[in-house]
Amino acid sequence: MTKHRTGTREEWLAARLELLEAEKELTRRSDELARRRQELPWVRIDKEYRFETDEGKASLADLFKGRSQLLVYHFMFGPDYSSGCPSCSAIADGFNGFGVHLANHDVMLWAVSRAPLEKLQAYKRRMGWSFPWASSFGNDFNSDFDVYASEEQQRTGAYEYNYRPGTPVAAFATRMWRRPCQSWQLLWRAHRASSVWRTLRPASRAGNCIRRLPCVAAPPTRRRRNRN
């Protein structure tokens, strides 16, 4: 039998109004953090990255597809994984839908993973997705953007976590990437704050890119689908 506190309608309303003020304050703080994030300086990317895509090999500049911004989601799917990260998969369920809205704002959305392209394509078919997904297998893209660390780096602390030098930790992957999300609103807030999102802008016609900041997009929508 539950031990949760019970009360009258009036008691509930008073507590709910108090909570509403806290929710509004959280929204205001989130908006302020988003504004400060947008003011971060841009950093030029001169390193050449090559990706495998459904259309063949592509450079980082190629991923823009002629748009002014590139939004990259670092999807956790390593070369030795048999399937994608459950939390990433839940988030990616909305990509087909809000990718269209991003395109209308001149933003190109891609997911990027370290697994070979064949694995990504098979998982993509299984999940019923159609959004662009590139393989960074064999290059340093994910580690350069601080969303991947090898087992050796985890053991020795030779990595960065939250933009600071790391410390040796056995549960690195669990702490960094696999903390469960409790609601779709939390997923949405994570998009605004997480380092797994990167927005890039072309710096010149020569194809260099500027590393910008996590982009704000619409929250994903839930979909029911047979995936057996």
Foldseek 3Di string as FASTA:
>chain_A
DDPDDDDDPVVVVVVVVVVVVVVVVVVVVLVVVLVVQQPDDKAWDDDWAWWQWPVGIDTPLVQLVPFFKEKEFAWEDAQPDQATQPQSLQQCLQCVPQQVVVVVVRYAYEYEYQHDPVSVVVNCVLSVHDHIYIHRHPDCVCQVLQNDDDLVCLQCQDHDDPNHGGHRDPCVCCVRPVDDDDDLVSVQSCQSPPSSIWMWGAPDPVRIIITGGRDHTDGGDDDDDDRD
